[in-house]
Amino acid sequence: MDVNDLAAALRACAAGFCPVEAGVALLISNETFLHRDDFTSRFIQHGTTCSTPMAAVDWDGAITALQAGELPCSGGERRILQLAASLAAGVPVDLRDAITGLDDHNTARLFVAIRHAAGVDESLVALGAEQILTTTLSDQIRAKR
């Protein structure tokens, strides 16, 4: 299964439950883990339902391996995996640690994922996470002056 097919199978399996969709989308958008055989072979299960390819992440297993040092990755990759697992499976995450150190792109991805998990109107997300973040932060800064 190539990366695009795997992403589609993960989305198909998560469909209908916003927090799981959000966690899967965050993992996919990071563009790292689906390209790693050490991740996909250990922590993604494949199958079909009514001839539709499905795939699911073993979030607990991935986080356990990450914490045990068995899944090496950069600090940003670690944070995204932890946040995706928290959204999708309720795996506890220290937000202060996980959010600090994210670059702008991953922060924007996380913002969109959180809004989706919360069931926020997608038309607002269509404005673009970076635009929404910038506008919101600018408004807050002006309000403090």
N, C-alpha and C. Protein backbone atom coordinates (compact mmCIF):
# COMPACT_ATOMS: atom_id res chain seq x y z
N MET A 1 0.85 -1.17 0.00
CA MET A 1 0.00 0.00 0.00
C MET A 1 0.90 1.24 0.00
N ASP A 2 0.70 2.12 -0.99
CA ASP A 2 1.53 3.33 -1.01
C ASP A 2 1.00 4.36 -0.02
N VAL A 3 1.73 5.45 0.14
CA VAL A 3 1.40 6.45 1.15
C VAL A 3 0.02 7.06 0.92
N ASN A 4 -0.32 7.37 -0.33
CA ASN A 4 -1.63 7.97 -0.62
C ASN A 4 -2.77 7.00 -0.30
N ASP A 5 -2.60 5.73 -0.66
CA ASP A 5 -3.61 4.72 -0.34
C ASP A 5 -3.73 4.52 1.17
N LEU A 6 -2.60 4.54 1.85
CA LEU A 6 -2.61 4.40 3.30
C LEU A 6 -3.33 5.57 3.96
N ALA A 7 -3.05 6.78 3.49
CA ALA A 7 -3.73 7.96 4.03
C ALA A 7 -5.24 7.86 3.80
N ALA A 8 -5.64 7.44 2.61
CA ALA A 8 -7.07 7.29 2.32
C ALA A 8 -7.71 6.23 3.21
N ALA A 9 -7.00 5.13 3.45
CA ALA A 9 -7.53 4.05 4.30
C ALA A 9 -7.65 4.51 5.75
N LEU A 10 -6.69 5.30 6.22
CA LEU A 10 -6.77 5.86 7.57
C LEU A 10 -7.95 6.81 7.69
N ARG A 11 -8.13 7.66 6.69
CA ARG A 11 -9.26 8.59 6.71
C ARG A 11 -10.59 7.84 6.68
N ALA A 12 -10.67 6.79 5.86
CA ALA A 12 -11.90 6.01 5.75
C ALA A 12 -12.26 5.37 7.09
N CYS A 13 -11.27 4.86 7.79
CA CYS A 13 -11.51 4.20 9.07
C CYS A 13 -11.92 5.21 10.14
N ALA A 14 -11.40 6.43 10.06
CA ALA A 14 -11.69 7.45 11.06
C ALA A 14 -12.99 8.21 10.78
N ALA A 15 -13.53 8.06 9.58
CA ALA A 15 -14.67 8.87 9.13
C ALA A 15 -15.84 8.80 10.10
N GLY A 16 -16.37 9.97 10.39
CA GLY A 16 -17.57 10.06 11.21
C GLY A 16 -17.34 10.41 12.66
N PHE A 17 -16.11 10.38 13.11
CA PHE A 17 -15.81 10.72 14.50
C PHE A 17 -14.75 11.82 14.49
N CYS A 18 -15.18 13.04 14.69
CA CYS A 18 -14.32 14.21 14.50
C CYS A 18 -12.97 14.15 15.21
N PRO A 19 -12.89 13.75 16.48
CA PRO A 19 -11.56 13.72 17.11
C PRO A 19 -10.60 12.73 16.44
N VAL A 20 -11.11 11.58 16.02
CA VAL A 20 -10.25 10.60 15.35
C VAL A 20 -9.84 11.14 13.98
N GLU A 21 -10.79 11.71 13.25
CA GLU A 21 -10.47 12.33 11.96
C GLU A 21 -9.38 13.39 12.13
N ALA A 22 -9.50 14.19 13.18
CA ALA A 22 -8.53 15.26 13.43
C ALA A 22 -7.15 14.70 13.73
N GLY A 23 -7.07 13.69 14.58
CA GLY A 23 -5.77 13.08 14.90
C GLY A 23 -5.12 12.45 13.69
N VAL A 24 -5.91 11.74 12.90
CA VAL A 24 -5.39 11.11 11.68
C VAL A 24 -4.93 12.19 10.70
N ALA A 25 -5.72 13.24 10.53
CA ALA A 25 -5.34 14.32 9.61
C ALA A 25 -4.05 15.00 10.05
N LEU A 26 -3.89 15.19 11.35
CA LEU A 26 -2.67 15.80 11.87
C LEU A 26 -1.46 14.92 11.59
N LEU A 27 -1.61 13.63 11.81
CA LEU A 27 -0.53 12.68 11.53
C LEU A 27 -0.17 12.69 10.05
N ILE A 28 -1.18 12.64 9.19
CA ILE A 28 -0.96 12.62 7.74
C ILE A 28 -0.31 13.92 7.28
N SER A 29 -0.80 15.06 7.78
CA SER A 29 -0.31 16.35 7.31
C SER A 29 1.15 16.59 7.68
N ASN A 30 1.64 15.90 8.70
CA ASN A 30 3.04 16.03 9.09
C ASN A 30 3.98 15.45 8.05
N GLU A 31 3.47 14.54 7.22
CA GLU A 31 4.21 13.96 6.09
C GLU A 31 5.50 13.25 6.51
N THR A 32 5.49 12.65 7.68
CA THR A 32 6.66 11.90 8.13
C THR A 32 6.33 10.44 8.36
N PHE A 33 5.40 10.19 9.25
CA PHE A 33 5.21 8.85 9.77
C PHE A 33 4.70 7.84 8.74
N LEU A 34 3.91 8.26 7.79
CA LEU A 34 3.41 7.31 6.79
C LEU A 34 4.49 6.89 5.81
N HIS A 35 5.60 7.60 5.81
CA HIS A 35 6.75 7.25 4.97
C HIS A 35 7.77 6.37 5.70
N ARG A 36 7.52 6.09 6.95
CA ARG A 36 8.47 5.33 7.77
C ARG A 36 7.99 3.90 7.96
N ASP A 37 8.76 2.96 7.43
CA ASP A 37 8.41 1.55 7.58
C ASP A 37 8.38 1.11 9.04
N ASP A 38 9.27 1.70 9.86
CA ASP A 38 9.29 1.31 11.27
C ASP A 38 8.02 1.76 11.99
N PHE A 39 7.31 2.73 11.43
CA PHE A 39 6.04 3.16 12.00
C PHE A 39 4.88 2.37 11.39
N THR A 40 4.82 2.35 10.07
CA THR A 40 3.67 1.72 9.41
C THR A 40 3.61 0.21 9.63
N SER A 41 4.75 -0.44 9.71
CA SER A 41 4.74 -1.91 9.89
C SER A 41 4.38 -2.30 11.33
N ARG A 42 4.67 -1.45 12.28
CA ARG A 42 4.41 -1.78 13.69
C ARG A 42 3.10 -1.23 14.23
N PHE A 43 2.69 -0.07 13.73
CA PHE A 43 1.61 0.64 14.42
C PHE A 43 0.38 0.93 13.55
N ILE A 44 0.36 0.40 12.36
CA ILE A 44 -0.82 0.56 11.51
C ILE A 44 -1.32 -0.81 11.08
N GLN A 45 -2.60 -1.06 11.37
CA GLN A 45 -3.24 -2.31 10.97
C GLN A 45 -4.11 -2.02 9.74
N HIS A 46 -4.08 -2.97 8.78
CA HIS A 46 -4.82 -2.81 7.52
C HIS A 46 -5.93 -3.84 7.43
N GLY A 47 -6.94 -3.51 6.66
CA GLY A 47 -8.03 -4.43 6.39
C GLY A 47 -8.99 -3.82 5.40
N THR A 48 -10.11 -4.47 5.21
CA THR A 48 -11.16 -3.93 4.34
C THR A 48 -12.51 -4.11 5.03
N THR A 49 -13.40 -3.19 4.72
CA THR A 49 -14.79 -3.28 5.16
C THR A 49 -15.64 -2.99 3.94
N CYS A 50 -16.47 -3.97 3.56
CA CYS A 50 -17.31 -3.83 2.37
C CYS A 50 -16.47 -3.39 1.17
N SER A 51 -15.33 -3.99 1.01
CA SER A 51 -14.35 -3.77 -0.06
C SER A 51 -13.69 -2.39 -0.01
N THR A 52 -13.89 -1.64 1.06
CA THR A 52 -13.21 -0.36 1.25
C THR A 52 -11.96 -0.59 2.09
N PRO A 53 -10.79 -0.21 1.56
CA PRO A 53 -9.57 -0.34 2.37
C PRO A 53 -9.65 0.52 3.62
N MET A 54 -9.28 -0.08 4.73
CA MET A 54 -9.28 0.61 6.02
C MET A 54 -7.93 0.42 6.68
N ALA A 55 -7.55 1.38 7.49
CA ALA A 55 -6.32 1.28 8.28
C ALA A 55 -6.53 2.05 9.57
N ALA A 56 -5.94 1.56 10.63
CA ALA A 56 -6.05 2.21 11.94
C ALA A 56 -4.68 2.24 12.59
N VAL A 57 -4.45 3.30 13.33
CA VAL A 57 -3.19 3.47 14.05
C VAL A 57 -3.34 2.89 15.45
N ASP A 58 -2.35 2.15 15.89
CA ASP A 58 -2.26 1.71 17.28
C ASP A 58 -1.58 2.85 18.05
N TRP A 59 -2.40 3.83 18.43
CA TRP A 59 -1.87 5.04 19.07
C TRP A 59 -1.14 4.72 20.37
N ASP A 60 -1.73 3.87 21.20
CA ASP A 60 -1.09 3.52 22.47
C ASP A 60 0.26 2.86 22.24
N GLY A 61 0.31 1.94 21.30
CA GLY A 61 1.56 1.26 20.99
C GLY A 61 2.62 2.22 20.47
N ALA A 62 2.22 3.14 19.62
CA ALA A 62 3.17 4.11 19.06
C ALA A 62 3.73 5.02 20.15
N ILE A 63 2.86 5.48 21.04
CA ILE A 63 3.32 6.38 22.12
C ILE A 63 4.19 5.62 23.11
N THR A 64 3.84 4.38 23.39
CA THR A 64 4.66 3.56 24.29
C THR A 64 6.06 3.38 23.70
N ALA A 65 6.13 3.07 22.41
CA ALA A 65 7.43 2.91 21.75
C ALA A 65 8.20 4.22 21.72
N LEU A 66 7.50 5.32 21.48
CA LEU A 66 8.14 6.64 21.48
C LEU A 66 8.77 6.93 22.84
N GLN A 67 8.01 6.70 23.90
CA GLN A 67 8.50 6.98 25.25
C GLN A 67 9.63 6.05 25.66
N ALA A 68 9.66 4.84 25.08
CA ALA A 68 10.72 3.88 25.41
C ALA A 68 11.96 4.09 24.55
N GLY A 69 11.93 5.07 23.65
CA GLY A 69 13.07 5.32 22.78
C GLY A 69 13.16 4.37 21.61
N GLU A 70 12.08 3.64 21.32
CA GLU A 70 12.08 2.66 20.23
C GLU A 70 11.57 3.23 18.92
N LEU A 71 11.18 4.49 18.93
CA LEU A 71 10.68 5.15 17.73
C LEU A 71 11.38 6.51 17.64
N PRO A 72 12.62 6.51 17.16
CA PRO A 72 13.37 7.77 17.13
C PRO A 72 12.73 8.77 16.16
N CYS A 73 12.70 10.02 16.61
CA CYS A 73 12.19 11.08 15.74
C CYS A 73 12.64 12.42 16.29
N SER A 74 12.45 13.45 15.48
CA SER A 74 12.82 14.80 15.91
C SER A 74 11.85 15.29 16.97
N GLY A 75 12.19 16.40 17.59
CA GLY A 75 11.31 16.98 18.59
C GLY A 75 9.95 17.36 18.03
N GLY A 76 9.93 17.93 16.84
CA GLY A 76 8.66 18.30 16.20
C GLY A 76 7.83 17.09 15.85
N GLU A 77 8.47 16.06 15.33
CA GLU A 77 7.75 14.82 15.00
C GLU A 77 7.18 14.19 16.26
N ARG A 78 7.95 14.19 17.32
CA ARG A 78 7.49 13.64 18.61
C ARG A 78 6.24 14.38 19.08
N ARG A 79 6.30 15.69 19.01
CA ARG A 79 5.17 16.50 19.46
C ARG A 79 3.91 16.23 18.63
N ILE A 80 4.07 16.18 17.31
CA ILE A 80 2.91 15.94 16.44
C ILE A 80 2.31 14.56 16.71
N LEU A 81 3.15 13.55 16.88
CA LEU A 81 2.64 12.21 17.17
C LEU A 81 1.89 12.20 18.50
N GLN A 82 2.43 12.85 19.51
CA GLN A 82 1.77 12.91 20.81
C GLN A 82 0.42 13.63 20.71
N LEU A 83 0.40 14.74 20.02
CA LEU A 83 -0.84 15.52 19.88
C LEU A 83 -1.87 14.77 19.05
N ALA A 84 -1.44 14.12 17.98
CA ALA A 84 -2.36 13.34 17.15
C ALA A 84 -2.95 12.18 17.95
N ALA A 85 -2.12 11.51 18.75
CA ALA A 85 -2.59 10.40 19.57
C ALA A 85 -3.56 10.89 20.64
N SER A 86 -3.32 12.06 21.16
CA SER A 86 -4.22 12.61 22.17
C SER A 86 -5.59 12.93 21.56
N LEU A 87 -5.59 13.56 20.39
CA LEU A 87 -6.85 13.87 19.72
C LEU A 87 -7.60 12.60 19.33
N ALA A 88 -6.89 11.66 18.73
CA ALA A 88 -7.54 10.47 18.15
C ALA A 88 -7.93 9.43 19.19
N ALA A 89 -7.12 9.27 20.23
CA ALA A 89 -7.33 8.16 21.15
C ALA A 89 -7.37 8.57 22.61
N GLY A 90 -7.28 9.85 22.89
CA GLY A 90 -7.32 10.29 24.27
C GLY A 90 -6.06 10.00 25.06
N VAL A 91 -4.96 9.75 24.37
CA VAL A 91 -3.69 9.50 25.05
C VAL A 91 -3.26 10.81 25.72
N PRO A 92 -3.00 10.78 27.03
CA PRO A 92 -2.62 12.02 27.73
C PRO A 92 -1.35 12.64 27.15
N VAL A 93 -1.35 13.97 27.07
CA VAL A 93 -0.19 14.70 26.58
C VAL A 93 -0.02 15.97 27.42
N ASP A 94 1.21 16.32 27.69
CA ASP A 94 1.54 17.56 28.38
C ASP A 94 1.53 18.68 27.34
N LEU A 95 0.46 19.47 27.32
CA LEU A 95 0.33 20.51 26.29
C LEU A 95 1.45 21.53 26.34
N ARG A 96 1.89 21.89 27.54
CA ARG A 96 2.98 22.88 27.64
C ARG A 96 4.22 22.38 26.92
N ASP A 97 4.54 21.11 27.10
CA ASP A 97 5.70 20.54 26.44
C ASP A 97 5.45 20.32 24.95
N ALA A 98 4.26 19.81 24.61
CA ALA A 98 3.98 19.43 23.23
C ALA A 98 3.80 20.64 22.30
N ILE A 99 3.25 21.71 22.82
CA ILE A 99 2.98 22.86 21.95
C ILE A 99 4.19 23.77 21.83
N THR A 100 4.93 23.94 22.93
CA THR A 100 6.13 24.78 22.83
C THR A 100 7.14 24.07 21.95
N GLY A 101 7.66 24.79 21.02
CA GLY A 101 8.65 24.21 20.12
C GLY A 101 8.08 23.82 18.76
N LEU A 102 6.75 23.86 18.59
CA LEU A 102 6.19 23.59 17.27
C LEU A 102 6.51 24.76 16.35
N ASP A 103 6.84 24.44 15.10
CA ASP A 103 7.05 25.52 14.14
C ASP A 103 5.70 26.07 13.68
N ASP A 104 5.73 27.13 12.89
CA ASP A 104 4.49 27.79 12.47
C ASP A 104 3.57 26.86 11.69
N HIS A 105 4.14 26.05 10.80
CA HIS A 105 3.31 25.15 9.99
C HIS A 105 2.62 24.10 10.85
N ASN A 106 3.35 23.50 11.78
CA ASN A 106 2.73 22.49 12.65
C ASN A 106 1.74 23.12 13.63
N THR A 107 2.00 24.35 14.06
CA THR A 107 1.05 25.05 14.91
C THR A 107 -0.25 25.28 14.15
N ALA A 108 -0.14 25.70 12.90
CA ALA A 108 -1.34 25.91 12.07
C ALA A 108 -2.08 24.60 11.85
N ARG A 109 -1.34 23.52 11.59
CA ARG A 109 -1.97 22.21 11.42
C ARG A 109 -2.70 21.77 12.69
N LEU A 110 -2.07 21.99 13.82
CA LEU A 110 -2.69 21.64 15.10
C LEU A 110 -3.95 22.46 15.33
N PHE A 111 -3.90 23.73 15.02
CA PHE A 111 -5.06 24.61 15.19
C PHE A 111 -6.24 24.08 14.36
N VAL A 112 -6.00 23.74 13.12
CA VAL A 112 -7.06 23.21 12.26
C VAL A 112 -7.57 21.88 12.83
N ALA A 113 -6.67 21.03 13.29
CA ALA A 113 -7.08 19.73 13.85
C ALA A 113 -7.95 19.91 15.09
N ILE A 114 -7.58 20.83 15.96
CA ILE A 114 -8.37 21.06 17.17
C ILE A 114 -9.77 21.56 16.81
N ARG A 115 -9.83 22.48 15.87
CA ARG A 115 -11.14 23.00 15.44
C ARG A 115 -11.99 21.88 14.86
N HIS A 116 -11.38 21.01 14.08
CA HIS A 116 -12.13 19.90 13.50
C HIS A 116 -12.61 18.94 14.60
N ALA A 117 -11.72 18.63 15.53
CA ALA A 117 -12.08 17.73 16.63
C ALA A 117 -13.25 18.29 17.43
N ALA A 118 -13.30 19.61 17.55
CA ALA A 118 -14.37 20.26 18.31
C ALA A 118 -15.66 20.39 17.50
N GLY A 119 -15.59 20.05 16.21
CA GLY A 119 -16.78 20.15 15.36
C GLY A 119 -17.09 21.56 14.92
N VAL A 120 -16.07 22.43 14.92
CA VAL A 120 -16.26 23.82 14.50
C VAL A 120 -16.56 23.87 13.01
N ASP A 121 -17.40 24.80 12.63
CA ASP A 121 -17.81 25.00 11.24
C ASP A 121 -16.57 25.04 10.33
N GLU A 122 -16.53 24.11 9.39
CA GLU A 122 -15.39 24.00 8.49
C GLU A 122 -15.24 25.21 7.58
N SER A 123 -16.29 25.99 7.37
CA SER A 123 -16.16 27.18 6.52
C SER A 123 -15.21 28.19 7.15
N LEU A 124 -15.14 28.19 8.49
CA LEU A 124 -14.18 29.06 9.16
C LEU A 124 -12.76 28.57 8.95
N VAL A 125 -12.60 27.25 8.95
CA VAL A 125 -11.27 26.67 8.74
C VAL A 125 -10.79 26.96 7.33
N ALA A 126 -11.73 27.07 6.38
CA ALA A 126 -11.37 27.33 4.99
C ALA A 126 -10.65 28.66 4.83
N LEU A 127 -10.80 29.57 5.80
CA LEU A 127 -10.08 30.83 5.74
C LEU A 127 -8.57 30.60 5.82
N GLY A 128 -8.18 29.50 6.41
CA GLY A 128 -6.77 29.19 6.58
C GLY A 128 -6.36 29.39 8.02
N ALA A 129 -5.76 28.39 8.58
CA ALA A 129 -5.38 28.43 9.99
C ALA A 129 -4.41 29.57 10.28
N GLU A 130 -3.46 29.79 9.39
CA GLU A 130 -2.48 30.83 9.66
C GLU A 130 -3.14 32.21 9.67
N GLN A 131 -4.08 32.44 8.76
CA GLN A 131 -4.79 33.72 8.73
C GLN A 131 -5.60 33.89 10.00
N ILE A 132 -6.29 32.84 10.43
CA ILE A 132 -7.10 32.92 11.64
C ILE A 132 -6.21 33.17 12.85
N LEU A 133 -5.10 32.44 12.94
CA LEU A 133 -4.19 32.62 14.07
C LEU A 133 -3.65 34.05 14.09
N THR A 134 -3.20 34.53 12.95
CA THR A 134 -2.62 35.86 12.87
C THR A 134 -3.65 36.92 13.26
N THR A 135 -4.85 36.80 12.72
CA THR A 135 -5.91 37.77 13.02
C THR A 135 -6.25 37.74 14.50
N THR A 136 -6.44 36.55 15.05
CA THR A 136 -6.80 36.41 16.46
C THR A 136 -5.70 36.97 17.36
N LEU A 137 -4.46 36.62 17.10
CA LEU A 137 -3.36 37.11 17.92
C LEU A 137 -3.22 38.62 17.80
N SER A 138 -3.37 39.15 16.59
CA SER A 138 -3.29 40.61 16.39
C SER A 138 -4.37 41.32 17.17
N ASP A 139 -5.59 40.79 17.14
CA ASP A 139 -6.70 41.38 17.90
C ASP A 139 -6.39 41.38 19.39
N GLN A 140 -5.82 40.29 19.90
CA GLN A 140 -5.50 40.20 21.32
C GLN A 140 -4.42 41.21 21.70
N ILE A 141 -3.44 41.36 20.84
CA ILE A 141 -2.35 42.30 21.13
C ILE A 141 -2.89 43.73 21.15
N ARG A 142 -3.75 44.07 20.16
CA ARG A 142 -4.34 45.41 20.12
C ARG A 142 -5.20 45.68 21.34
N ALA A 143 -5.91 44.66 21.80
CA ALA A 143 -6.81 44.81 22.95
C ALA A 143 -6.01 45.11 24.22
N LYS A 144 -4.79 44.64 24.32
CA LYS A 144 -3.97 44.85 25.51
C LYS A 144 -3.35 46.24 25.56
N ARG A 145 -3.33 46.91 24.40
CA ARG A 145 -2.67 48.23 24.36
C ARG A 145 -3.53 49.31 24.90
